[in-house]
Amino acid sequence: MDILSTSSSLDVKSIFYCGDTCEIVYVFEVDGVDISFEGKLRKNGDIKGIEYGDKLESFLMDFMPVDRAVSKKLSLLTWRYVEGESIEFPVSLISSSANVTILPK
């Protein structure tokens, strides 16, 4: 990503998860443009995490000035999806109208 304005929006259009390899692919839409990144899920007992690749981490960091919780929101969405919760895509992580976001349960 180059430069994001405070009016930028970030939607998760879809998530693809492979239970055998724990690999996950995200398809995002940023201001009308689709982009995909990969990650890997990690779970050790009750501790859950997502190993972001360098490109995904950099991508999320670009949104930190707009919403510092964007990575946490993506993590919550990811684990809800992987654990079988029905998710209706697209899911807005950052809305340009600032009225739709994913929040912790």
C-alpha atoms as a PDB file:
ATOM      1  CA  MET A   1       0.000   0.000   0.000  1.00  0.00           C
ATOM      2  CA  ASP A   2       1.204   3.501  -0.651  1.00  0.00           C
ATOM      3  CA  ILE A   3      -0.712   6.211   1.164  1.00  0.00           C
ATOM      4  CA  LEU A   4      -3.991   5.795   2.992  1.00  0.00           C
ATOM      5  CA  SER A   5      -6.267   8.656   3.849  1.00  0.00           C
ATOM      6  CA  THR A   6      -8.509   8.725   6.884  1.00  0.00           C
ATOM      7  CA  SER A   7     -11.356   7.983   4.492  1.00  0.00           C
ATOM      8  CA  SER A   8      -9.842   4.635   3.472  1.00  0.00           C
ATOM      9  CA  SER A   9     -11.962   1.548   3.984  1.00  0.00           C
ATOM     10  CA  LEU A  10     -10.759  -2.009   4.557  1.00  0.00           C
ATOM     11  CA  ASP A  11     -13.032  -4.995   4.026  1.00  0.00           C
ATOM     12  CA  VAL A  12     -12.273  -8.696   4.319  1.00  0.00           C
ATOM     13  CA  LYS A  13     -13.999 -10.164   1.255  1.00  0.00           C
ATOM     14  CA  SER A  14     -13.153 -13.780   2.030  1.00  0.00           C
ATOM     15  CA  ILE A  15     -10.991 -16.086   4.085  1.00  0.00           C
ATOM     16  CA  PHE A  16      -9.668 -19.452   2.918  1.00  0.00           C
ATOM     17  CA  TYR A  17      -8.328 -21.813   5.575  1.00  0.00           C
ATOM     18  CA  CYS A  18      -6.548 -25.161   5.215  1.00  0.00           C
ATOM     19  CA  GLY A  19      -6.863 -27.155   8.428  1.00  0.00           C
ATOM     20  CA  ASP A  20      -4.091 -29.564   7.417  1.00  0.00           C
ATOM     21  CA  THR A  21      -1.413 -26.883   7.023  1.00  0.00           C
ATOM     22  CA  CYS A  22      -2.995 -24.139   9.192  1.00  0.00           C
ATOM     23  CA  GLU A  23      -2.417 -21.738   6.296  1.00  0.00           C
ATOM     24  CA  ILE A  24      -4.884 -18.955   5.755  1.00  0.00           C
ATOM     25  CA  VAL A  25      -5.444 -16.655   2.797  1.00  0.00           C
ATOM     26  CA  TYR A  26      -7.228 -13.329   3.182  1.00  0.00           C
ATOM     27  CA  VAL A  27      -8.817 -11.419   0.324  1.00  0.00           C
ATOM     28  CA  PHE A  28      -9.163  -7.748   1.237  1.00  0.00           C
ATOM     29  CA  GLU A  29     -10.855  -4.897  -0.566  1.00  0.00           C
ATOM     30  CA  VAL A  30      -9.268  -1.509  -0.016  1.00  0.00           C
ATOM     31  CA  ASP A  31     -11.167   1.413  -1.512  1.00  0.00           C
ATOM     32  CA  GLY A  32     -12.501  -0.839  -4.291  1.00  0.00           C
ATOM     33  CA  VAL A  33      -9.255  -2.733  -5.035  1.00  0.00           C
ATOM     34  CA  ASP A  34      -8.834  -6.445  -4.176  1.00  0.00           C
ATOM     35  CA  ILE A  35      -5.582  -7.714  -2.672  1.00  0.00           C
ATOM     36  CA  SER A  36      -4.697 -11.035  -1.027  1.00  0.00           C
ATOM     37  CA  PHE A  37      -2.193 -12.067   1.638  1.00  0.00           C
ATOM     38  CA  GLU A  38      -1.279 -15.260   3.448  1.00  0.00           C
ATOM     39  CA  GLY A  39      -0.736 -16.115   7.075  1.00  0.00           C
ATOM     40  CA  LYS A  40      -0.477 -19.159   9.296  1.00  0.00           C
ATOM     41  CA  LEU A  41      -2.450 -19.962  12.422  1.00  0.00           C
ATOM     42  CA  ARG A  42      -0.705 -20.973  15.613  1.00  0.00           C
ATOM     43  CA  LYS A  43      -2.371 -22.483  18.659  1.00  0.00           C
ATOM     44  CA  ASN A  44      -0.669 -23.685  21.826  1.00  0.00           C
ATOM     45  CA  GLY A  45      -3.234 -24.699  24.410  1.00  0.00           C
ATOM     46  CA  ASP A  46      -5.427 -21.656  25.001  1.00  0.00           C
ATOM     47  CA  ILE A  47      -2.983 -19.281  23.304  1.00  0.00           C
ATOM     48  CA  LYS A  48      -4.066 -18.421  19.762  1.00  0.00           C
ATOM     49  CA  GLY A  49      -2.050 -16.462  17.264  1.00  0.00           C
ATOM     50  CA  ILE A  50      -1.621 -15.634  13.632  1.00  0.00           C
ATOM     51  CA  GLU A  51       1.786 -15.580  12.001  1.00  0.00           C
ATOM     52  CA  TYR A  52       1.613 -12.808   9.455  1.00  0.00           C
ATOM     53  CA  GLY A  53       3.986 -12.809   6.523  1.00  0.00           C
ATOM     54  CA  ASP A  54       6.060  -9.669   6.021  1.00  0.00           C
ATOM     55  CA  LYS A  55       3.740  -8.353   3.306  1.00  0.00           C
ATOM     56  CA  LEU A  56       0.573  -8.877   5.382  1.00  0.00           C
ATOM     57  CA  GLU A  57       2.188  -7.304   8.432  1.00  0.00           C
ATOM     58  CA  SER A  58       3.308  -4.290   6.406  1.00  0.00           C
ATOM     59  CA  PHE A  59      -0.146  -4.012   4.850  1.00  0.00           C
ATOM     60  CA  LEU A  60      -1.825  -3.953   8.276  1.00  0.00           C
ATOM     61  CA  MET A  61       0.729  -1.480   9.627  1.00  0.00           C
ATOM     62  CA  ASP A  62      -0.313   0.948   6.886  1.00  0.00           C
ATOM     63  CA  PHE A  63      -3.763   1.043   8.500  1.00  0.00           C
ATOM     64  CA  MET A  64      -2.546   1.665  12.050  1.00  0.00           C
ATOM     65  CA  PRO A  65      -2.776   5.473  11.749  1.00  0.00           C
ATOM     66  CA  VAL A  66      -6.440   5.054  10.759  1.00  0.00           C
ATOM     67  CA  ASP A  67      -7.320   2.361  13.330  1.00  0.00           C
ATOM     68  CA  ARG A  68      -4.748   1.026  15.788  1.00  0.00           C
ATOM     69  CA  ALA A  69      -6.893  -2.069  16.475  1.00  0.00           C
ATOM     70  CA  VAL A  70      -7.033  -3.337  12.878  1.00  0.00           C
ATOM     71  CA  SER A  71      -4.737  -6.310  13.555  1.00  0.00           C
ATOM     72  CA  LYS A  72      -6.707  -7.309  16.645  1.00  0.00           C
ATOM     73  CA  LYS A  73      -9.976  -7.086  14.672  1.00  0.00           C
ATOM     74  CA  LEU A  74      -8.548  -9.320  11.943  1.00  0.00           C
ATOM     75  CA  SER A  75      -7.396 -11.837  14.547  1.00  0.00           C
ATOM     76  CA  LEU A  76     -10.833 -11.948  16.181  1.00  0.00           C
ATOM     77  CA  LEU A  77     -12.527 -12.398  12.807  1.00  0.00           C
ATOM     78  CA  THR A  78     -10.059 -15.100  11.786  1.00  0.00           C
ATOM     79  CA  TRP A  79     -10.525 -17.236  14.892  1.00  0.00           C
ATOM     80  CA  ARG A  80     -14.310 -16.876  14.783  1.00  0.00           C
ATOM     81  CA  TYR A  81     -14.231 -18.094  11.179  1.00  0.00           C
ATOM     82  CA  VAL A  82     -11.820 -20.971  11.835  1.00  0.00           C
ATOM     83  CA  GLU A  83     -13.795 -22.143  14.862  1.00  0.00           C
ATOM     84  CA  GLY A  84     -16.924 -22.455  12.741  1.00  0.00           C
ATOM     85  CA  GLU A  85     -18.875 -19.281  13.370  1.00  0.00           C
ATOM     86  CA  SER A  86     -21.016 -18.297  10.413  1.00  0.00           C
ATOM     87  CA  ILE A  87     -19.516 -15.115   8.952  1.00  0.00           C
ATOM     88  CA  GLU A  88     -21.254 -13.043   6.314  1.00  0.00           C
ATOM     89  CA  PHE A  89     -18.651 -11.535   4.005  1.00  0.00           C
ATOM     90  CA  PRO A  90     -17.564  -8.886   3.302  1.00  0.00           C
ATOM     91  CA  VAL A  91     -16.669  -7.792   6.827  1.00  0.00           C
ATOM     92  CA  SER A  92     -15.598  -4.208   7.345  1.00  0.00           C
ATOM     93  CA  LEU A  93     -12.489  -3.802   9.500  1.00  0.00           C
ATOM     94  CA  ILE A  94     -12.262  -0.087   8.760  1.00  0.00           C
ATOM     95  CA  SER A  95     -15.181   1.786   7.309  1.00  0.00           C
ATOM     96  CA  SER A  96     -14.804   5.104   5.547  1.00  0.00           C
ATOM     97  CA  SER A  97     -18.120   6.051   7.168  1.00  0.00           C
ATOM     98  CA  ALA A  98     -16.804   4.760  10.529  1.00  0.00           C
ATOM     99  CA  ASN A  99     -20.087   3.097  11.408  1.00  0.00           C
ATOM    100  CA  VAL A 100     -19.367  -0.596  10.765  1.00  0.00           C
ATOM    101  CA  THR A 101     -16.495  -2.440  12.439  1.00  0.00           C
ATOM    102  CA  ILE A 102     -15.923  -5.846  13.921  1.00  0.00           C
ATOM    103  CA  LEU A 103     -15.804  -5.794  17.707  1.00  0.00           C
ATOM    104  CA  PRO A 104     -14.939  -8.391  20.350  1.00  0.00           C
ATOM    105  CA  LYS A 105     -17.829 -10.490  21.642  1.00  0.00           C
END
